[in-house]
Amino acid sequence: MRTKHWIALLVLGLPAAMTPMMALGDDCRFKADRAGGVDAKGVEKVVIRAGAGDMKVIGRTNAVRIEARGVACAGKQEMLDATQISVRREGNTVFVETTLPQNEDSWSWGNNDYAYIDLGVALPANLPVDAIDSSGDAVFEDLKSLALQDSSGDLRVRRIAEMAEVGDSSGDLTIEDVGSAQVRDSSGDIEIDHVRKDVRIVSDSSGDMRILNVDGGVVVESDSSGGIRIEDVKGAVRVESDSSGDIYAAHVGGDFTVSQDGSGSITHQSVGGQVSVPANKE
């Protein structure tokens, strides 16, 4: 992890600065500010495609523009020149993208061959976001909805009015205060707290899982390894397949069901509906 110092990214048209979260390391030999933006009138969706670097995306109720700002860092001047942010509009969709030299077909690694952009994006809070993030920590806050595919780095998703759909390859994942949540996760811990509708874990390969305060139900379709802890759910809780790790459920309003379980214990308390677990775990 590179040594961090913080910079504030001021966004045009907003009354206050974006929360500082961008990070540059001491190994940043060449750096430069990057920025782009468009008017948000008539926009129905924002698509973000980000390469290496940390990222923060925030919605603002009073925003009238979509703004992207950041700092490019590279080991060589020619690589810095090729490290850019673009913001463009196609119809009712706005695309925010970072361009890095290592994404080019002619790229080859050598001494001081690194480049990344620490990126901040601000947009109206009533717009859905579709994002792909390559590497680095990321934060998404105060959005209408989010569809995200993240490769590596810790990820935090907070205050999403509707669905938060997240695919995460590696790194810890935190989801808080969302309408509903759907997750595919390869490795890293998962923590989900305060969901107004349902939670669905489509797949989880490794890492502990903790799900709290759900107004709807919880379904874990497939979990390979790591503990599962689910508490304070108004609806039903169903674990369809779990390979290893303990399962604990408490304060469940509906049924609690575990269909298949390999190794690890199953415990529960304060279940309002029926309890159904494999016979060897009763």
Foldseek 3Di string as FASTA:
>chain_A
DADFDWDWDADPPDPDTDDIDFTDHPQQPDKDKAKDKDFLPLAAAEEEEFEDGEEEEEADQRHGMKMKIWMKGFQDPVQSVQWHWDWDDDRNYIYIYTGGPCVDPPDDDDPRGDMHIHMYIYYHQAHEYEYEYEEEEYEYERHQEYAYEYEYYAYEYEQHAEEYEYEYEYHAYEYERYQEYEYEYEEHEYEYEAYAEEYEDAEYEDHAYEYEHYAYEYEYAYYEDYAYEYENYQAEYEYEEYEEYAYEYEQYNEEYYYNYYHYYAYYYYNHNYYYYYPPVRD
